[in-house]
Amino acid sequence: DAVLGHHELYNGKGYPNNLEEGEIGQFASILAICDVF
């Protein structure tokens, strides 16, 4: 789930599923930050 969601963004404009803040898991949220940083 974290691998699939590491490009999801809190504003819902990420991919692949356009998830929003409350829908994104903790691991994916952490990876999104680490990946961009």
PDB file of all heavy atoms in Angstrom:
ATOM      1  N   ASP A   1       0.826  -1.213   0.000  1.00  0.00           N
ATOM      2  CA  ASP A   1       0.000   0.000   0.000  1.00  0.00           C
ATOM      3  C   ASP A   1       0.861   1.264   0.000  1.00  0.00           C
ATOM      4  O   ASP A   1       0.540   2.256  -0.666  1.00  0.00           O
ATOM      5  CB  ASP A   1      -0.923   0.005   1.215  1.00  0.00           C
ATOM      6  CG  ASP A   1      -2.049  -1.013   1.105  1.00  0.00           C
ATOM      7  OD1 ASP A   1      -2.278  -1.531  -0.011  1.00  0.00           O
ATOM      8  OD2 ASP A   1      -2.691  -1.307   2.137  1.00  0.00           O
ATOM      9  N   ALA A   2       1.963   1.221   0.756  1.00  0.00           N
ATOM     10  CA  ALA A   2       2.859   2.383   0.818  1.00  0.00           C
ATOM     11  C   ALA A   2       3.554   2.612  -0.519  1.00  0.00           C
ATOM     12  O   ALA A   2       3.691   3.753  -0.981  1.00  0.00           O
ATOM     13  CB  ALA A   2       3.886   2.192   1.925  1.00  0.00           C
ATOM     14  N   VAL A   3       3.993   1.524  -1.140  1.00  0.00           N
ATOM     15  CA  VAL A   3       4.642   1.631  -2.451  1.00  0.00           C
ATOM     16  C   VAL A   3       3.660   2.191  -3.478  1.00  0.00           C
ATOM     17  O   VAL A   3       3.998   3.095  -4.257  1.00  0.00           O
ATOM     18  CB  VAL A   3       5.180   0.252  -2.900  1.00  0.00           C
ATOM     19  CG1 VAL A   3       5.641   0.297  -4.355  1.00  0.00           C
ATOM     20  CG2 VAL A   3       6.336  -0.185  -1.991  1.00  0.00           C
ATOM     21  N   LEU A   4       2.442   1.701  -3.468  1.00  0.00           N
ATOM     22  CA  LEU A   4       1.428   2.173  -4.414  1.00  0.00           C
ATOM     23  C   LEU A   4       1.083   3.638  -4.170  1.00  0.00           C
ATOM     24  O   LEU A   4       0.839   4.394  -5.122  1.00  0.00           O
ATOM     25  CB  LEU A   4       0.163   1.327  -4.292  1.00  0.00           C
ATOM     26  CG  LEU A   4      -0.983   1.675  -5.251  1.00  0.00           C
ATOM     27  CD1 LEU A   4      -0.579   1.401  -6.701  1.00  0.00           C
ATOM     28  CD2 LEU A   4      -2.247   0.888  -4.886  1.00  0.00           C
ATOM     29  N   GLY A   5       1.091   4.065  -2.914  1.00  0.00           N
ATOM     30  CA  GLY A   5       0.586   5.396  -2.572  1.00  0.00           C
ATOM     31  C   GLY A   5       1.629   6.460  -2.314  1.00  0.00           C
ATOM     32  O   GLY A   5       1.289   7.549  -1.845  1.00  0.00           O
ATOM     33  N   HIS A   6       2.900   6.212  -2.653  1.00  0.00           N
ATOM     34  CA  HIS A   6       3.928   7.180  -2.250  1.00  0.00           C
ATOM     35  C   HIS A   6       3.915   8.467  -3.070  1.00  0.00           C
ATOM     36  O   HIS A   6       4.649   9.407  -2.753  1.00  0.00           O
ATOM     37  CB  HIS A   6       5.332   6.543  -2.265  1.00  0.00           C
ATOM     38  CG  HIS A   6       5.922   6.317  -3.628  1.00  0.00           C
ATOM     39  ND1 HIS A   6       5.713   5.161  -4.350  1.00  0.00           N
ATOM     40  CD2 HIS A   6       6.737   7.087  -4.389  1.00  0.00           C
ATOM     41  CE1 HIS A   6       6.372   5.230  -5.494  1.00  0.00           C
ATOM     42  NE2 HIS A   6       7.000   6.390  -5.541  1.00  0.00           N
ATOM     43  N   HIS A   7       3.057   8.534  -4.103  1.00  0.00           N
ATOM     44  CA  HIS A   7       2.884   9.783  -4.839  1.00  0.00           C
ATOM     45  C   HIS A   7       1.491  10.378  -4.632  1.00  0.00           C
ATOM     46  O   HIS A   7       1.110  11.324  -5.333  1.00  0.00           O
ATOM     47  CB  HIS A   7       3.130   9.573  -6.334  1.00  0.00           C
ATOM     48  CG  HIS A   7       4.584   9.544  -6.705  1.00  0.00           C
ATOM     49  ND1 HIS A   7       5.384  10.661  -6.650  1.00  0.00           N
ATOM     50  CD2 HIS A   7       5.379   8.514  -7.112  1.00  0.00           C
ATOM     51  CE1 HIS A   7       6.612  10.335  -7.019  1.00  0.00           C
ATOM     52  NE2 HIS A   7       6.636   9.039  -7.305  1.00  0.00           N
ATOM     53  N   GLU A   8       0.741   9.861  -3.687  1.00  0.00           N
ATOM     54  CA  GLU A   8      -0.534  10.476  -3.321  1.00  0.00           C
ATOM     55  C   GLU A   8      -0.266  11.725  -2.484  1.00  0.00           C
ATOM     56  O   GLU A   8       0.688  11.752  -1.696  1.00  0.00           O
ATOM     57  CB  GLU A   8      -1.408   9.493  -2.533  1.00  0.00           C
ATOM     58  CG  GLU A   8      -1.762   8.211  -3.277  1.00  0.00           C
ATOM     59  CD  GLU A   8      -2.787   8.410  -4.389  1.00  0.00           C
ATOM     60  OE1 GLU A   8      -3.244   9.556  -4.584  1.00  0.00           O
ATOM     61  OE2 GLU A   8      -3.117   7.408  -5.059  1.00  0.00           O
ATOM     62  N   LEU A   9      -1.079  12.761  -2.659  1.00  0.00           N
ATOM     63  CA  LEU A   9      -0.880  14.034  -1.981  1.00  0.00           C
ATOM     64  C   LEU A   9      -2.109  14.418  -1.174  1.00  0.00           C
ATOM     65  O   LEU A   9      -3.235  14.066  -1.539  1.00  0.00           O
ATOM     66  CB  LEU A   9      -0.570  15.132  -3.007  1.00  0.00           C
ATOM     67  CG  LEU A   9       0.653  14.882  -3.900  1.00  0.00           C
ATOM     68  CD1 LEU A   9       0.756  15.965  -4.969  1.00  0.00           C
ATOM     69  CD2 LEU A   9       1.927  14.816  -3.077  1.00  0.00           C
ATOM     70  N   TYR A  10      -1.896  15.154  -0.089  1.00  0.00           N
ATOM     71  CA  TYR A  10      -2.999  15.512   0.797  1.00  0.00           C
ATOM     72  C   TYR A  10      -4.079  16.339   0.104  1.00  0.00           C
ATOM     73  O   TYR A  10      -5.227  16.354   0.540  1.00  0.00           O
ATOM     74  CB  TYR A  10      -2.456  16.269   2.014  1.00  0.00           C
ATOM     75  CG  TYR A  10      -2.035  15.361   3.153  1.00  0.00           C
ATOM     76  CD1 TYR A  10      -1.542  14.071   2.903  1.00  0.00           C
ATOM     77  CD2 TYR A  10      -2.133  15.773   4.472  1.00  0.00           C
ATOM     78  CE1 TYR A  10      -1.151  13.242   3.931  1.00  0.00           C
ATOM     79  CE2 TYR A  10      -1.742  14.942   5.516  1.00  0.00           C
ATOM     80  CZ  TYR A  10      -1.256  13.684   5.236  1.00  0.00           C
ATOM     81  OH  TYR A  10      -0.878  12.858   6.265  1.00  0.00           O
ATOM     82  N   ASN A  11      -3.722  17.060  -0.969  1.00  0.00           N
ATOM     83  CA  ASN A  11      -4.708  17.887  -1.664  1.00  0.00           C
ATOM     84  C   ASN A  11      -5.498  17.102  -2.712  1.00  0.00           C
ATOM     85  O   ASN A  11      -6.328  17.669  -3.429  1.00  0.00           O
ATOM     86  CB  ASN A  11      -4.039  19.096  -2.320  1.00  0.00           C
ATOM     87  CG  ASN A  11      -2.995  18.696  -3.363  1.00  0.00           C
ATOM     88  OD1 ASN A  11      -2.872  17.529  -3.730  1.00  0.00           O
ATOM     89  ND2 ASN A  11      -2.235  19.687  -3.820  1.00  0.00           N
ATOM     90  N   GLY A  12      -5.233  15.797  -2.819  1.00  0.00           N
ATOM     91  CA  GLY A  12      -5.983  14.955  -3.740  1.00  0.00           C
ATOM     92  C   GLY A  12      -5.490  14.990  -5.178  1.00  0.00           C
ATOM     93  O   GLY A  12      -6.100  14.390  -6.066  1.00  0.00           O
ATOM     94  N   LYS A  13      -4.355  15.662  -5.417  1.00  0.00           N
ATOM     95  CA  LYS A  13      -3.861  15.811  -6.787  1.00  0.00           C
ATOM     96  C   LYS A  13      -2.695  14.862  -7.097  1.00  0.00           C
ATOM     97  O   LYS A  13      -1.983  15.055  -8.088  1.00  0.00           O
ATOM     98  CB  LYS A  13      -3.443  17.267  -7.038  1.00  0.00           C
ATOM     99  CG  LYS A  13      -4.610  18.246  -6.960  1.00  0.00           C
ATOM    100  CD  LYS A  13      -4.159  19.672  -7.236  1.00  0.00           C
ATOM    101  CE  LYS A  13      -5.340  20.635  -7.157  1.00  0.00           C
ATOM    102  NZ  LYS A  13      -4.938  22.046  -7.432  1.00  0.00           N
ATOM    103  N   GLY A  14      -2.514  13.863  -6.240  1.00  0.00           N
ATOM    104  CA  GLY A  14      -1.451  12.900  -6.494  1.00  0.00           C
ATOM    105  C   GLY A  14      -1.938  11.761  -7.370  1.00  0.00           C
ATOM    106  O   GLY A  14      -3.009  11.826  -7.977  1.00  0.00           O
ATOM    107  N   TYR A  15      -1.152  10.698  -7.419  1.00  0.00           N
ATOM    108  CA  TYR A  15      -1.528   9.540  -8.237  1.00  0.00           C
ATOM    109  C   TYR A  15      -1.060   8.261  -7.542  1.00  0.00           C
ATOM    110  O   TYR A  15      -0.227   8.321  -6.641  1.00  0.00           O
ATOM    111  CB  TYR A  15      -0.921   9.665  -9.649  1.00  0.00           C
ATOM    112  CG  TYR A  15       0.600   9.664  -9.735  1.00  0.00           C
ATOM    113  CD1 TYR A  15       1.325   8.470  -9.843  1.00  0.00           C
ATOM    114  CD2 TYR A  15       1.325  10.865  -9.724  1.00  0.00           C
ATOM    115  CE1 TYR A  15       2.706   8.469  -9.933  1.00  0.00           C
ATOM    116  CE2 TYR A  15       2.706  10.870  -9.812  1.00  0.00           C
ATOM    117  CZ  TYR A  15       3.388   9.673  -9.923  1.00  0.00           C
ATOM    118  OH  TYR A  15       4.765   9.676 -10.016  1.00  0.00           O
ATOM    119  N   PRO A  16      -1.648   7.107  -7.878  1.00  0.00           N
ATOM    120  CA  PRO A  16      -2.514   6.830  -9.040  1.00  0.00           C
ATOM    121  C   PRO A  16      -4.009   6.998  -8.761  1.00  0.00           C
ATOM    122  O   PRO A  16      -4.815   6.953  -9.691  1.00  0.00           O
ATOM    123  CB  PRO A  16      -2.208   5.364  -9.340  1.00  0.00           C
ATOM    124  CG  PRO A  16      -1.917   4.767  -7.999  1.00  0.00           C
ATOM    125  CD  PRO A  16      -1.192   5.847  -7.231  1.00  0.00           C
ATOM    126  N   ASN A  17      -4.420   7.211  -7.494  1.00  0.00           N
ATOM    127  CA  ASN A  17      -5.851   7.158  -7.168  1.00  0.00           C
ATOM    128  C   ASN A  17      -6.421   8.472  -6.654  1.00  0.00           C
ATOM    129  O   ASN A  17      -7.552   8.498  -6.163  1.00  0.00           O
ATOM    130  CB  ASN A  17      -6.100   6.048  -6.139  1.00  0.00           C
ATOM    131  CG  ASN A  17      -5.792   4.672  -6.697  1.00  0.00           C
ATOM    132  OD1 ASN A  17      -6.213   4.335  -7.801  1.00  0.00           O
ATOM    133  ND2 ASN A  17      -5.038   3.871  -5.943  1.00  0.00           N
ATOM    134  N   ASN A  18      -5.662   9.560  -6.741  1.00  0.00           N
ATOM    135  CA  ASN A  18      -6.146  10.883  -6.315  1.00  0.00           C
ATOM    136  C   ASN A  18      -6.721  10.865  -4.901  1.00  0.00           C
ATOM    137  O   ASN A  18      -7.747  11.492  -4.618  1.00  0.00           O
ATOM    138  CB  ASN A  18      -7.196  11.414  -7.292  1.00  0.00           C
ATOM    139  CG  ASN A  18      -6.680  11.510  -8.716  1.00  0.00           C
ATOM    140  OD1 ASN A  18      -7.187  10.818  -9.598  1.00  0.00           O
ATOM    141  ND2 ASN A  18      -5.682  12.328  -8.945  1.00  0.00           N
ATOM    142  N   LEU A  19      -6.041  10.153  -4.006  1.00  0.00           N
ATOM    143  CA  LEU A  19      -6.488  10.088  -2.615  1.00  0.00           C
ATOM    144  C   LEU A  19      -6.274  11.426  -1.930  1.00  0.00           C
ATOM    145  O   LEU A  19      -5.363  12.188  -2.283  1.00  0.00           O
ATOM    146  CB  LEU A  19      -5.729   8.997  -1.866  1.00  0.00           C
ATOM    147  CG  LEU A  19      -5.841   7.565  -2.410  1.00  0.00           C
ATOM    148  CD1 LEU A  19      -5.041   6.599  -1.532  1.00  0.00           C
ATOM    149  CD2 LEU A  19      -7.301   7.130  -2.487  1.00  0.00           C
ATOM    150  N   GLU A  20      -7.095  11.700  -0.923  1.00  0.00           N
ATOM    151  CA  GLU A  20      -6.955  12.929  -0.145  1.00  0.00           C
ATOM    152  C   GLU A  20      -6.427  12.614   1.245  1.00  0.00           C
ATOM    153  O   GLU A  20      -6.238  11.446   1.605  1.00  0.00           O
ATOM    154  CB  GLU A  20      -8.300  13.654  -0.073  1.00  0.00           C
ATOM    155  CG  GLU A  20      -8.796  14.104  -1.450  1.00  0.00           C
ATOM    156  CD  GLU A  20     -10.102  14.875  -1.368  1.00  0.00           C
ATOM    157  OE1 GLU A  20     -10.717  14.887  -0.271  1.00  0.00           O
ATOM    158  OE2 GLU A  20     -10.501  15.458  -2.391  1.00  0.00           O
ATOM    159  N   GLU A  21      -6.213  13.658   2.038  1.00  0.00           N
ATOM    160  CA  GLU A  21      -5.526  13.546   3.329  1.00  0.00           C
ATOM    161  C   GLU A  21      -6.004  12.376   4.177  1.00  0.00           C
ATOM    162  O   GLU A  21      -5.205  11.557   4.626  1.00  0.00           O
ATOM    163  CB  GLU A  21      -5.683  14.850   4.107  1.00  0.00           C
ATOM    164  CG  GLU A  21      -5.036  14.816   5.479  1.00  0.00           C
ATOM    165  CD  GLU A  21      -5.116  16.147   6.190  1.00  0.00           C
ATOM    166  OE1 GLU A  21      -5.481  17.153   5.539  1.00  0.00           O
ATOM    167  OE2 GLU A  21      -4.812  16.195   7.399  1.00  0.00           O
ATOM    168  N   GLY A  22      -7.277  12.267   4.416  1.00  0.00           N
ATOM    169  CA  GLY A  22      -7.779  11.226   5.304  1.00  0.00           C
ATOM    170  C   GLY A  22      -7.753   9.837   4.717  1.00  0.00           C
ATOM    171  O   GLY A  22      -7.971   8.852   5.435  1.00  0.00           O
ATOM    172  N   GLU A  23      -7.472   9.737   3.430  1.00  0.00           N
ATOM    173  CA  GLU A  23      -7.487   8.439   2.757  1.00  0.00           C
ATOM    174  C   GLU A  23      -6.092   7.840   2.580  1.00  0.00           C
ATOM    175  O   GLU A  23      -5.946   6.683   2.210  1.00  0.00           O
ATOM    176  CB  GLU A  23      -8.134   8.588   1.368  1.00  0.00           C
ATOM    177  CG  GLU A  23      -9.553   9.127   1.403  1.00  0.00           C
ATOM    178  CD  GLU A  23     -10.069   9.465   0.025  1.00  0.00           C
ATOM    179  OE1 GLU A  23      -9.360  10.179  -0.719  1.00  0.00           O
ATOM    180  OE2 GLU A  23     -11.190   9.005  -0.319  1.00  0.00           O
ATOM    181  N   ILE A  24      -5.065   8.642   2.831  1.00  0.00           N
ATOM    182  CA  ILE A  24      -3.686   8.205   2.602  1.00  0.00           C
ATOM    183  C   ILE A  24      -3.122   7.601   3.879  1.00  0.00           C
ATOM    184  O   ILE A  24      -3.190   8.205   4.955  1.00  0.00           O
ATOM    185  CB  ILE A  24      -2.807   9.383   2.144  1.00  0.00           C
ATOM    186  CG1 ILE A  24      -3.398  10.016   0.891  1.00  0.00           C
ATOM    187  CG2 ILE A  24      -1.378   8.925   1.885  1.00  0.00           C
ATOM    188  CD1 ILE A  24      -2.717  11.319   0.486  1.00  0.00           C
ATOM    189  N   GLY A  25      -2.556   6.411   3.781  1.00  0.00           N
ATOM    190  CA  GLY A  25      -1.990   5.733   4.940  1.00  0.00           C
ATOM    191  C   GLY A  25      -0.752   6.421   5.475  1.00  0.00           C
ATOM    192  O   GLY A  25      -0.104   7.219   4.783  1.00  0.00           O
ATOM    193  N   GLN A  26      -0.390   6.103   6.724  1.00  0.00           N
ATOM    194  CA  GLN A  26       0.761   6.741   7.362  1.00  0.00           C
ATOM    195  C   GLN A  26       2.057   6.475   6.605  1.00  0.00           C
ATOM    196  O   GLN A  26       2.865   7.385   6.383  1.00  0.00           O
ATOM    197  CB  GLN A  26       0.905   6.244   8.806  1.00  0.00           C
ATOM    198  CG  GLN A  26       2.045   6.921   9.563  1.00  0.00           C
ATOM    199  CD  GLN A  26       2.192   6.395  10.982  1.00  0.00           C
ATOM    200  OE1 GLN A  26       2.039   5.204  11.226  1.00  0.00           O
ATOM    201  NE2 GLN A  26       2.489   7.275  11.924  1.00  0.00           N
ATOM    202  N   PHE A  27       2.275   5.221   6.212  1.00  0.00           N
ATOM    203  CA  PHE A  27       3.515   4.882   5.510  1.00  0.00           C
ATOM    204  C   PHE A  27       3.622   5.661   4.201  1.00  0.00           C
ATOM    205  O   PHE A  27       4.689   6.182   3.859  1.00  0.00           O
ATOM    206  CB  PHE A  27       3.577   3.390   5.219  1.00  0.00           C
ATOM    207  CG  PHE A  27       3.922   2.537   6.409  1.00  0.00           C
ATOM    208  CD1 PHE A  27       3.954   3.051   7.688  1.00  0.00           C
ATOM    209  CD2 PHE A  27       4.228   1.194   6.243  1.00  0.00           C
ATOM    210  CE1 PHE A  27       4.270   2.266   8.784  1.00  0.00           C
ATOM    211  CE2 PHE A  27       4.555   0.388   7.323  1.00  0.00           C
ATOM    212  CZ  PHE A  27       4.562   0.922   8.596  1.00  0.00           C
ATOM    213  N   ALA A  28       2.530   5.723   3.441  1.00  0.00           N
ATOM    214  CA  ALA A  28       2.552   6.443   2.164  1.00  0.00           C
ATOM    215  C   ALA A  28       2.806   7.935   2.385  1.00  0.00           C
ATOM    216  O   ALA A  28       3.527   8.576   1.606  1.00  0.00           O
ATOM    217  CB  ALA A  28       1.239   6.232   1.420  1.00  0.00           C
ATOM    218  N   SER A  29       2.227   8.494   3.454  1.00  0.00           N
ATOM    219  CA  SER A  29       2.442   9.907   3.770  1.00  0.00           C
ATOM    220  C   SER A  29       3.904  10.183   4.078  1.00  0.00           C
ATOM    221  O   SER A  29       4.463  11.214   3.675  1.00  0.00           O
ATOM    222  CB  SER A  29       1.576  10.320   4.962  1.00  0.00           C
ATOM    223  OG  SER A  29       0.200  10.226   4.657  1.00  0.00           O
ATOM    224  N   ILE A  30       4.535   9.266   4.815  1.00  0.00           N
ATOM    225  CA  ILE A  30       5.949   9.419   5.150  1.00  0.00           C
ATOM    226  C   ILE A  30       6.818   9.287   3.907  1.00  0.00           C
ATOM    227  O   ILE A  30       7.718  10.099   3.660  1.00  0.00           O
ATOM    228  CB  ILE A  30       6.358   8.373   6.207  1.00  0.00           C
ATOM    229  CG1 ILE A  30       5.680   8.690   7.548  1.00  0.00           C
ATOM    230  CG2 ILE A  30       7.883   8.335   6.381  1.00  0.00           C
ATOM    231  CD1 ILE A  30       5.856   7.620   8.608  1.00  0.00           C
ATOM    232  N   LEU A  31       6.539   8.273   3.085  1.00  0.00           N
ATOM    233  CA  LEU A  31       7.340   8.066   1.876  1.00  0.00           C
ATOM    234  C   LEU A  31       7.203   9.230   0.905  1.00  0.00           C
ATOM    235  O   LEU A  31       8.171   9.594   0.226  1.00  0.00           O
ATOM    236  CB  LEU A  31       6.945   6.767   1.180  1.00  0.00           C
ATOM    237  CG  LEU A  31       7.289   5.458   1.891  1.00  0.00           C
ATOM    238  CD1 LEU A  31       7.077   4.278   0.938  1.00  0.00           C
ATOM    239  CD2 LEU A  31       8.719   5.457   2.412  1.00  0.00           C
ATOM    240  N   ALA A  32       6.011   9.818   0.825  1.00  0.00           N
ATOM    241  CA  ALA A  32       5.807  10.961  -0.069  1.00  0.00           C
ATOM    242  C   ALA A  32       6.759  12.096   0.286  1.00  0.00           C
ATOM    243  O   ALA A  32       7.361  12.729  -0.592  1.00  0.00           O
ATOM    244  CB  ALA A  32       4.353  11.430   0.013  1.00  0.00           C
ATOM    245  N   ILE A  33       6.903  12.353   1.574  1.00  0.00           N
ATOM    246  CA  ILE A  33       7.806  13.406   2.045  1.00  0.00           C
ATOM    247  C   ILE A  33       9.259  13.042   1.743  1.00  0.00           C
ATOM    248  O   ILE A  33      10.026  13.848   1.212  1.00  0.00           O
ATOM    249  CB  ILE A  33       7.614  13.637   3.557  1.00  0.00           C
ATOM    250  CG1 ILE A  33       6.283  14.344   3.810  1.00  0.00           C
ATOM    251  CG2 ILE A  33       8.770  14.443   4.139  1.00  0.00           C
ATOM    252  CD1 ILE A  33       5.910  14.464   5.272  1.00  0.00           C
ATOM    253  N   CYS A  34       9.642  11.823   2.078  1.00  0.00           N
ATOM    254  CA  CYS A  34      11.038  11.399   1.908  1.00  0.00           C
ATOM    255  C   CYS A  34      11.426  11.366   0.434  1.00  0.00           C
ATOM    256  O   CYS A  34      12.546  11.728   0.067  1.00  0.00           O
ATOM    257  CB  CYS A  34      11.243  10.022   2.538  1.00  0.00           C
ATOM    258  SG  CYS A  34      10.903   9.973   4.318  1.00  0.00           S
ATOM    259  N   ASP A  35      10.500  10.936  -0.405  1.00  0.00           N
ATOM    260  CA  ASP A  35      10.739  10.851  -1.842  1.00  0.00           C
ATOM    261  C   ASP A  35      10.990  12.234  -2.433  1.00  0.00           C
ATOM    262  O   ASP A  35      11.969  12.449  -3.160  1.00  0.00           O
ATOM    263  CB  ASP A  35       9.534  10.191  -2.513  1.00  0.00           C
ATOM    264  CG  ASP A  35       9.707  10.024  -4.003  1.00  0.00           C
ATOM    265  OD1 ASP A  35      10.691   9.393  -4.419  1.00  0.00           O
ATOM    266  OD2 ASP A  35       8.852  10.510  -4.763  1.00  0.00           O
ATOM    267  N   VAL A  36      10.126  13.187  -2.137  1.00  0.00           N
ATOM    268  CA  VAL A  36      10.266  14.539  -2.674  1.00  0.00           C
ATOM    269  C   VAL A  36      11.483  15.234  -2.077  1.00  0.00           C
ATOM    270  O   VAL A  36      12.234  15.924  -2.792  1.00  0.00           O
ATOM    271  CB  VAL A  36       8.987  15.360  -2.417  1.00  0.00           C
ATOM    272  CG1 VAL A  36       9.193  16.828  -2.791  1.00  0.00           C
ATOM    273  CG2 VAL A  36       7.823  14.779  -3.208  1.00  0.00           C
ATOM    274  N   PHE A  37      11.713  15.047  -0.778  1.00  0.00           N
ATOM    275  CA  PHE A  37      12.862  15.682  -0.131  1.00  0.00           C
ATOM    276  C   PHE A  37      14.165  15.221  -0.772  1.00  0.00           C
ATOM    277  O   PHE A  37      15.056  16.033  -1.056  1.00  0.00           O
ATOM    278  CB  PHE A  37      12.865  15.358   1.364  1.00  0.00           C
ATOM    279  CG  PHE A  37      14.037  15.942   2.106  1.00  0.00           C
ATOM    280  CD1 PHE A  37      14.088  17.299   2.378  1.00  0.00           C
ATOM    281  CD2 PHE A  37      15.089  15.135   2.521  1.00  0.00           C
ATOM    282  CE1 PHE A  37      15.177  17.851   3.056  1.00  0.00           C
ATOM    283  CE2 PHE A  37      16.170  15.673   3.194  1.00  0.00           C
ATOM    284  CZ  PHE A  37      16.212  17.040   3.467  1.00  0.00           C
TER     285      PHE A  37
END
